[in-house]
Amino acid sequence: MHLNTYELQYLVKERLNRDRQFAARQAMVKEALADRPALRLRLGALFIRLGTWLQGGVEKPDVEAERANA
């Protein structure tokens, strides 16, 4: 298959556009997931709140969760 310069340029441009769109979608997914705390932090905060509740509670039981989110 023999391509002239125009055809090759068109194919390269299309491929770059597709790759840029993919990279933009990946960046949006990464940004959206970065806002959520890690599962282990959420589980840790849950266990702390549960333990505090089982012991009778305190004034502000989710202090650890706020530190994990900071």
PDB file of N, CA and C in Angstrom:
ATOM      1  N   MET A   1       0.852  -1.175   0.000  1.00  0.00           N
ATOM      2  CA  MET A   1       0.000   0.000   0.000  1.00  0.00           C
ATOM      3  C   MET A   1       0.894   1.233   0.000  1.00  0.00           C
ATOM      4  N   HIS A   2       0.677   2.080  -0.919  1.00  0.00           N
ATOM      5  CA  HIS A   2       1.489   3.274  -1.067  1.00  0.00           C
ATOM      6  C   HIS A   2       0.624   4.502  -0.799  1.00  0.00           C
ATOM      7  N   LEU A   3       1.032   5.339   0.154  1.00  0.00           N
ATOM      8  CA  LEU A   3       0.270   6.532   0.512  1.00  0.00           C
ATOM      9  C   LEU A   3       1.031   7.779   0.094  1.00  0.00           C
ATOM     10  N   ASN A   4       0.271   8.749  -0.376  1.00  0.00           N
ATOM     11  CA  ASN A   4       0.941  10.016  -0.652  1.00  0.00           C
ATOM     12  C   ASN A   4       1.013  10.829   0.649  1.00  0.00           C
ATOM     13  N   THR A   5       1.672  11.940   0.589  1.00  0.00           N
ATOM     14  CA  THR A   5       1.917  12.743   1.780  1.00  0.00           C
ATOM     15  C   THR A   5       0.619  13.217   2.427  1.00  0.00           C
ATOM     16  N   TYR A   6      -0.336  13.635   1.625  1.00  0.00           N
ATOM     17  CA  TYR A   6      -1.606  14.114   2.155  1.00  0.00           C
ATOM     18  C   TYR A   6      -2.332  13.002   2.914  1.00  0.00           C
ATOM     19  N   GLU A   7      -2.403  11.808   2.356  1.00  0.00           N
ATOM     20  CA  GLU A   7      -3.084  10.689   3.005  1.00  0.00           C
ATOM     21  C   GLU A   7      -2.392  10.303   4.313  1.00  0.00           C
ATOM     22  N   LEU A   8      -1.098  10.274   4.293  1.00  0.00           N
ATOM     23  CA  LEU A   8      -0.339   9.946   5.492  1.00  0.00           C
ATOM     24  C   LEU A   8      -0.549  10.999   6.576  1.00  0.00           C
ATOM     25  N   GLN A   9      -0.530  12.254   6.183  1.00  0.00           N
ATOM     26  CA  GLN A   9      -0.753  13.343   7.129  1.00  0.00           C
ATOM     27  C   GLN A   9      -2.155  13.245   7.738  1.00  0.00           C
ATOM     28  N   TYR A  10      -3.139  12.933   6.916  1.00  0.00           N
ATOM     29  CA  TYR A  10      -4.512  12.787   7.397  1.00  0.00           C
ATOM     30  C   TYR A  10      -4.615  11.646   8.410  1.00  0.00           C
ATOM     31  N   LEU A  11      -4.019  10.507   8.118  1.00  0.00           N
ATOM     32  CA  LEU A  11      -4.067   9.365   9.027  1.00  0.00           C
ATOM     33  C   LEU A  11      -3.364   9.660  10.347  1.00  0.00           C
ATOM     34  N   VAL A  12      -2.239  10.329  10.282  1.00  0.00           N
ATOM     35  CA  VAL A  12      -1.506  10.683  11.497  1.00  0.00           C
ATOM     36  C   VAL A  12      -2.320  11.656  12.342  1.00  0.00           C
ATOM     37  N   LYS A  13      -2.940  12.642  11.692  1.00  0.00           N
ATOM     38  CA  LYS A  13      -3.749  13.626  12.403  1.00  0.00           C
ATOM     39  C   LYS A  13      -4.939  12.958  13.094  1.00  0.00           C
ATOM     40  N   GLU A  14      -5.584  12.024  12.417  1.00  0.00           N
ATOM     41  CA  GLU A  14      -6.713  11.299  13.005  1.00  0.00           C
ATOM     42  C   GLU A  14      -6.266  10.475  14.214  1.00  0.00           C
ATOM     43  N   ARG A  15      -5.141   9.818  14.067  1.00  0.00           N
ATOM     44  CA  ARG A  15      -4.624   9.003  15.177  1.00  0.00           C
ATOM     45  C   ARG A  15      -4.273   9.879  16.379  1.00  0.00           C
ATOM     46  N   LEU A  16      -3.652  11.028  16.151  1.00  0.00           N
ATOM     47  CA  LEU A  16      -3.320  11.945  17.244  1.00  0.00           C
ATOM     48  C   LEU A  16      -4.578  12.468  17.923  1.00  0.00           C
ATOM     49  N   ASN A  17      -5.591  12.810  17.137  1.00  0.00           N
ATOM     50  CA  ASN A  17      -6.849  13.281  17.725  1.00  0.00           C
ATOM     51  C   ASN A  17      -7.479  12.207  18.603  1.00  0.00           C
ATOM     52  N   ARG A  18      -7.488  10.971  18.116  1.00  0.00           N
ATOM     53  CA  ARG A  18      -8.054   9.863  18.893  1.00  0.00           C
ATOM     54  C   ARG A  18      -7.264   9.651  20.186  1.00  0.00           C
ATOM     55  N   ASP A  19      -5.945   9.715  20.111  1.00  0.00           N
ATOM     56  CA  ASP A  19      -5.109   9.538  21.299  1.00  0.00           C
ATOM     57  C   ASP A  19      -5.294  10.689  22.290  1.00  0.00           C
ATOM     58  N   ARG A  20      -5.450  11.904  21.784  1.00  0.00           N
ATOM     59  CA  ARG A  20      -5.680  13.051  22.678  1.00  0.00           C
ATOM     60  C   ARG A  20      -7.019  12.928  23.387  1.00  0.00           C
ATOM     61  N   GLN A  21      -8.041  12.484  22.673  1.00  0.00           N
ATOM     62  CA  GLN A  21      -9.353  12.293  23.286  1.00  0.00           C
ATOM     63  C   GLN A  21      -9.295  11.211  24.363  1.00  0.00           C
ATOM     64  N   PHE A  22      -8.591  10.144  24.078  1.00  0.00           N
ATOM     65  CA  PHE A  22      -8.436   9.074  25.068  1.00  0.00           C
ATOM     66  C   PHE A  22      -7.717   9.590  26.309  1.00  0.00           C
ATOM     67  N   ALA A  23      -6.646  10.342  26.113  1.00  0.00           N
ATOM     68  CA  ALA A  23      -5.889  10.896  27.242  1.00  0.00           C
ATOM     69  C   ALA A  23      -6.755  11.855  28.054  1.00  0.00           C
ATOM     70  N   ALA A  24      -7.578  12.647  27.396  1.00  0.00           N
ATOM     71  CA  ALA A  24      -8.459  13.580  28.110  1.00  0.00           C
ATOM     72  C   ALA A  24      -9.486  12.816  28.948  1.00  0.00           C
ATOM     73  N   ARG A  25     -10.041  11.738  28.385  1.00  0.00           N
ATOM     74  CA  ARG A  25     -10.994  10.928  29.162  1.00  0.00           C
ATOM     75  C   ARG A  25     -10.307  10.279  30.352  1.00  0.00           C
ATOM     76  N   GLN A  26      -9.110   9.775  30.158  1.00  0.00           N
ATOM     77  CA  GLN A  26      -8.374   9.157  31.259  1.00  0.00           C
ATOM     78  C   GLN A  26      -8.074  10.174  32.356  1.00  0.00           C
ATOM     79  N   ALA A  27      -7.724  11.393  31.973  1.00  0.00           N
ATOM     80  CA  ALA A  27      -7.434  12.437  32.950  1.00  0.00           C
ATOM     81  C   ALA A  27      -8.686  12.790  33.746  1.00  0.00           C
ATOM     82  N   MET A  28      -9.845  12.833  33.079  1.00  0.00           N
ATOM     83  CA  MET A  28     -11.091  13.130  33.795  1.00  0.00           C
ATOM     84  C   MET A  28     -11.429  12.016  34.781  1.00  0.00           C
ATOM     85  N   VAL A  29     -11.220  10.772  34.389  1.00  0.00           N
ATOM     86  CA  VAL A  29     -11.490   9.655  35.293  1.00  0.00           C
ATOM     87  C   VAL A  29     -10.545   9.718  36.492  1.00  0.00           C
ATOM     88  N   LYS A  30      -9.278   9.963  36.222  1.00  0.00           N
ATOM     89  CA  LYS A  30      -8.297  10.033  37.314  1.00  0.00           C
ATOM     90  C   LYS A  30      -8.637  11.166  38.276  1.00  0.00           C
ATOM     91  N   GLU A  31      -9.040  12.315  37.738  1.00  0.00           N
ATOM     92  CA  GLU A  31      -9.402  13.462  38.570  1.00  0.00           C
ATOM     93  C   GLU A  31     -10.640  13.152  39.403  1.00  0.00           C
ATOM     94  N   ALA A  32     -11.618  12.499  38.822  1.00  0.00           N
ATOM     95  CA  ALA A  32     -12.848  12.168  39.544  1.00  0.00           C
ATOM     96  C   ALA A  32     -12.576  11.185  40.671  1.00  0.00           C
ATOM     97  N   LEU A  33     -11.706  10.234  40.443  1.00  0.00           N
ATOM     98  CA  LEU A  33     -11.409   9.238  41.470  1.00  0.00           C
ATOM     99  C   LEU A  33     -10.476   9.784  42.545  1.00  0.00           C
ATOM    100  N   ALA A  34      -9.726  10.811  42.253  1.00  0.00           N
ATOM    101  CA  ALA A  34      -8.781  11.364  43.223  1.00  0.00           C
ATOM    102  C   ALA A  34      -9.500  12.075  44.365  1.00  0.00           C
ATOM    103  N   ASP A  35     -10.716  12.533  44.137  1.00  0.00           N
ATOM    104  CA  ASP A  35     -11.450  13.246  45.171  1.00  0.00           C
ATOM    105  C   ASP A  35     -11.959  12.327  46.273  1.00  0.00           C
ATOM    106  N   ARG A  36     -12.097  11.044  45.964  1.00  0.00           N
ATOM    107  CA  ARG A  36     -12.621  10.112  46.951  1.00  0.00           C
ATOM    108  C   ARG A  36     -11.480   9.557  47.800  1.00  0.00           C
ATOM    109  N   PRO A  37     -11.707   9.450  49.101  1.00  0.00           N
ATOM    110  CA  PRO A  37     -10.657   8.861  49.946  1.00  0.00           C
ATOM    111  C   PRO A  37     -10.506   7.368  49.632  1.00  0.00           C
ATOM    112  N   ALA A  38      -9.354   6.866  49.900  1.00  0.00           N
ATOM    113  CA  ALA A  38      -9.069   5.461  49.643  1.00  0.00           C
ATOM    114  C   ALA A  38      -9.987   4.581  50.479  1.00  0.00           C
ATOM    115  N   LEU A  39     -10.244   3.385  49.989  1.00  0.00           N
ATOM    116  CA  LEU A  39     -11.134   2.456  50.676  1.00  0.00           C
ATOM    117  C   LEU A  39     -10.639   2.162  52.088  1.00  0.00           C
ATOM    118  N   ARG A  40      -9.340   2.000  52.254  1.00  0.00           N
ATOM    119  CA  ARG A  40      -8.826   1.686  53.596  1.00  0.00           C
ATOM    120  C   ARG A  40      -9.053   2.834  54.568  1.00  0.00           C
ATOM    121  N   LEU A  41      -9.009   4.071  54.089  1.00  0.00           N
ATOM    122  CA  LEU A  41      -9.282   5.209  54.968  1.00  0.00           C
ATOM    123  C   LEU A  41     -10.743   5.259  55.360  1.00  0.00           C
ATOM    124  N   ARG A  42     -11.628   4.988  54.397  1.00  0.00           N
ATOM    125  CA  ARG A  42     -13.057   4.975  54.705  1.00  0.00           C
ATOM    126  C   ARG A  42     -13.397   3.855  55.667  1.00  0.00           C
ATOM    127  N   LEU A  43     -12.811   2.672  55.453  1.00  0.00           N
ATOM    128  CA  LEU A  43     -13.060   1.552  56.369  1.00  0.00           C
ATOM    129  C   LEU A  43     -12.516   1.851  57.758  1.00  0.00           C
ATOM    130  N   GLY A  44     -11.338   2.441  57.826  1.00  0.00           N
ATOM    131  CA  GLY A  44     -10.768   2.806  59.126  1.00  0.00           C
ATOM    132  C   GLY A  44     -11.653   3.784  59.874  1.00  0.00           C
ATOM    133  N   ALA A  45     -12.143   4.799  59.174  1.00  0.00           N
ATOM    134  CA  ALA A  45     -13.033   5.776  59.806  1.00  0.00           C
ATOM    135  C   ALA A  45     -14.322   5.105  60.261  1.00  0.00           C
ATOM    136  N   LEU A  46     -14.830   4.177  59.465  1.00  0.00           N
ATOM    137  CA  LEU A  46     -16.046   3.457  59.836  1.00  0.00           C
ATOM    138  C   LEU A  46     -15.831   2.645  61.104  1.00  0.00           C
ATOM    139  N   PHE A  47     -14.706   1.941  61.194  1.00  0.00           N
ATOM    140  CA  PHE A  47     -14.425   1.148  62.389  1.00  0.00           C
ATOM    141  C   PHE A  47     -14.240   2.028  63.619  1.00  0.00           C
ATOM    142  N   ILE A  48     -13.621   3.166  63.456  1.00  0.00           N
ATOM    143  CA  ILE A  48     -13.454   4.093  64.578  1.00  0.00           C
ATOM    144  C   ILE A  48     -14.819   4.585  65.054  1.00  0.00           C
ATOM    145  N   ARG A  49     -15.686   4.979  64.115  1.00  0.00           N
ATOM    146  CA  ARG A  49     -17.030   5.428  64.495  1.00  0.00           C
ATOM    147  C   ARG A  49     -17.812   4.304  65.162  1.00  0.00           C
ATOM    148  N   LEU A  50     -17.712   3.087  64.627  1.00  0.00           N
ATOM    149  CA  LEU A  50     -18.407   1.947  65.204  1.00  0.00           C
ATOM    150  C   LEU A  50     -17.910   1.664  66.623  1.00  0.00           C
ATOM    151  N   GLY A  51     -16.599   1.665  66.798  1.00  0.00           N
ATOM    152  CA  GLY A  51     -16.046   1.440  68.134  1.00  0.00           C
ATOM    153  C   GLY A  51     -16.458   2.522  69.115  1.00  0.00           C
ATOM    154  N   THR A  52     -16.459   3.746  68.663  1.00  0.00           N
ATOM    155  CA  THR A  52     -16.877   4.858  69.517  1.00  0.00           C
ATOM    156  C   THR A  52     -18.351   4.698  69.892  1.00  0.00           C
ATOM    157  N   TRP A  53     -19.170   4.326  68.933  1.00  0.00           N
ATOM    158  CA  TRP A  53     -20.597   4.147  69.184  1.00  0.00           C
ATOM    159  C   TRP A  53     -20.830   3.005  70.173  1.00  0.00           C
ATOM    160  N   LEU A  54     -20.074   1.901  70.017  1.00  0.00           N
ATOM    161  CA  LEU A  54     -20.223   0.765  70.915  1.00  0.00           C
ATOM    162  C   LEU A  54     -19.779   1.101  72.338  1.00  0.00           C
ATOM    163  N   GLN A  55     -18.848   2.023  72.488  1.00  0.00           N
ATOM    164  CA  GLN A  55     -18.363   2.412  73.805  1.00  0.00           C
ATOM    165  C   GLN A  55     -19.250   3.466  74.452  1.00  0.00           C
ATOM    166  N   GLY A  56     -20.234   3.939  73.782  1.00  0.00           N
ATOM    167  CA  GLY A  56     -21.148   4.896  74.381  1.00  0.00           C
ATOM    168  C   GLY A  56     -21.118   6.257  73.729  1.00  0.00           C
ATOM    169  N   GLY A  57     -20.275   6.447  72.748  1.00  0.00           N
ATOM    170  CA  GLY A  57     -20.249   7.699  72.002  1.00  0.00           C
ATOM    171  C   GLY A  57     -19.437   8.790  72.670  1.00  0.00           C
ATOM    172  N   VAL A  58     -19.079   9.755  71.872  1.00  0.00           N
ATOM    173  CA  VAL A  58     -18.377  10.951  72.329  1.00  0.00           C
ATOM    174  C   VAL A  58     -18.996  12.139  71.624  1.00  0.00           C
ATOM    175  N   GLU A  59     -18.501  13.323  71.945  1.00  0.00           N
ATOM    176  CA  GLU A  59     -19.048  14.550  71.380  1.00  0.00           C
ATOM    177  C   GLU A  59     -19.025  14.560  69.853  1.00  0.00           C
ATOM    178  N   LYS A  60     -17.862  14.214  69.249  1.00  0.00           N
ATOM    179  CA  LYS A  60     -17.713  14.269  67.809  1.00  0.00           C
ATOM    180  C   LYS A  60     -16.992  12.992  67.355  1.00  0.00           C
ATOM    181  N   PRO A  61     -17.750  11.931  66.981  1.00  0.00           N
ATOM    182  CA  PRO A  61     -17.131  10.631  66.738  1.00  0.00           C
ATOM    183  C   PRO A  61     -16.341  10.503  65.445  1.00  0.00           C
ATOM    184  N   ASP A  62     -16.508  11.374  64.462  1.00  0.00           N
ATOM    185  CA  ASP A  62     -15.823  11.186  63.188  1.00  0.00           C
ATOM    186  C   ASP A  62     -14.661  12.153  62.992  1.00  0.00           C
ATOM    187  N   VAL A  63     -13.911  12.438  64.044  1.00  0.00           N
ATOM    188  CA  VAL A  63     -12.736  13.297  63.949  1.00  0.00           C
ATOM    189  C   VAL A  63     -11.687  12.642  63.057  1.00  0.00           C
ATOM    190  N   GLU A  64     -11.523  11.323  63.187  1.00  0.00           N
ATOM    191  CA  GLU A  64     -10.535  10.623  62.379  1.00  0.00           C
ATOM    192  C   GLU A  64     -10.883  10.685  60.886  1.00  0.00           C
ATOM    193  N   ALA A  65     -12.163  10.622  60.566  1.00  0.00           N
ATOM    194  CA  ALA A  65     -12.583  10.696  59.173  1.00  0.00           C
ATOM    195  C   ALA A  65     -12.257  12.060  58.594  1.00  0.00           C
ATOM    196  N   GLU A  66     -12.432  13.108  59.373  1.00  0.00           N
ATOM    197  CA  GLU A  66     -12.107  14.451  58.893  1.00  0.00           C
ATOM    198  C   GLU A  66     -10.610  14.589  58.686  1.00  0.00           C
ATOM    199  N   ARG A  67      -9.811  13.991  59.552  1.00  0.00           N
ATOM    200  CA  ARG A  67      -8.353  14.024  59.355  1.00  0.00           C
ATOM    201  C   ARG A  67      -7.963  13.257  58.108  1.00  0.00           C
ATOM    202  N   ALA A  68      -8.631  12.129  57.854  1.00  0.00           N
ATOM    203  CA  ALA A  68      -8.319  11.326  56.672  1.00  0.00           C
ATOM    204  C   ALA A  68      -8.679  12.068  55.400  1.00  0.00           C
ATOM    205  N   ASN A  69      -9.710  12.886  55.436  1.00  0.00           N
ATOM    206  CA  ASN A  69     -10.133  13.634  54.257  1.00  0.00           C
ATOM    207  C   ASN A  69      -9.317  14.903  54.035  1.00  0.00           C
ATOM    208  N   ALA A  70      -8.578  15.321  55.040  1.00  0.00           N
ATOM    209  CA  ALA A  70      -7.800  16.571  54.925  1.00  0.00           C
ATOM    210  C   ALA A  70      -6.581  16.399  54.081  1.00  0.00           C
TER     211      ALA A  70
END
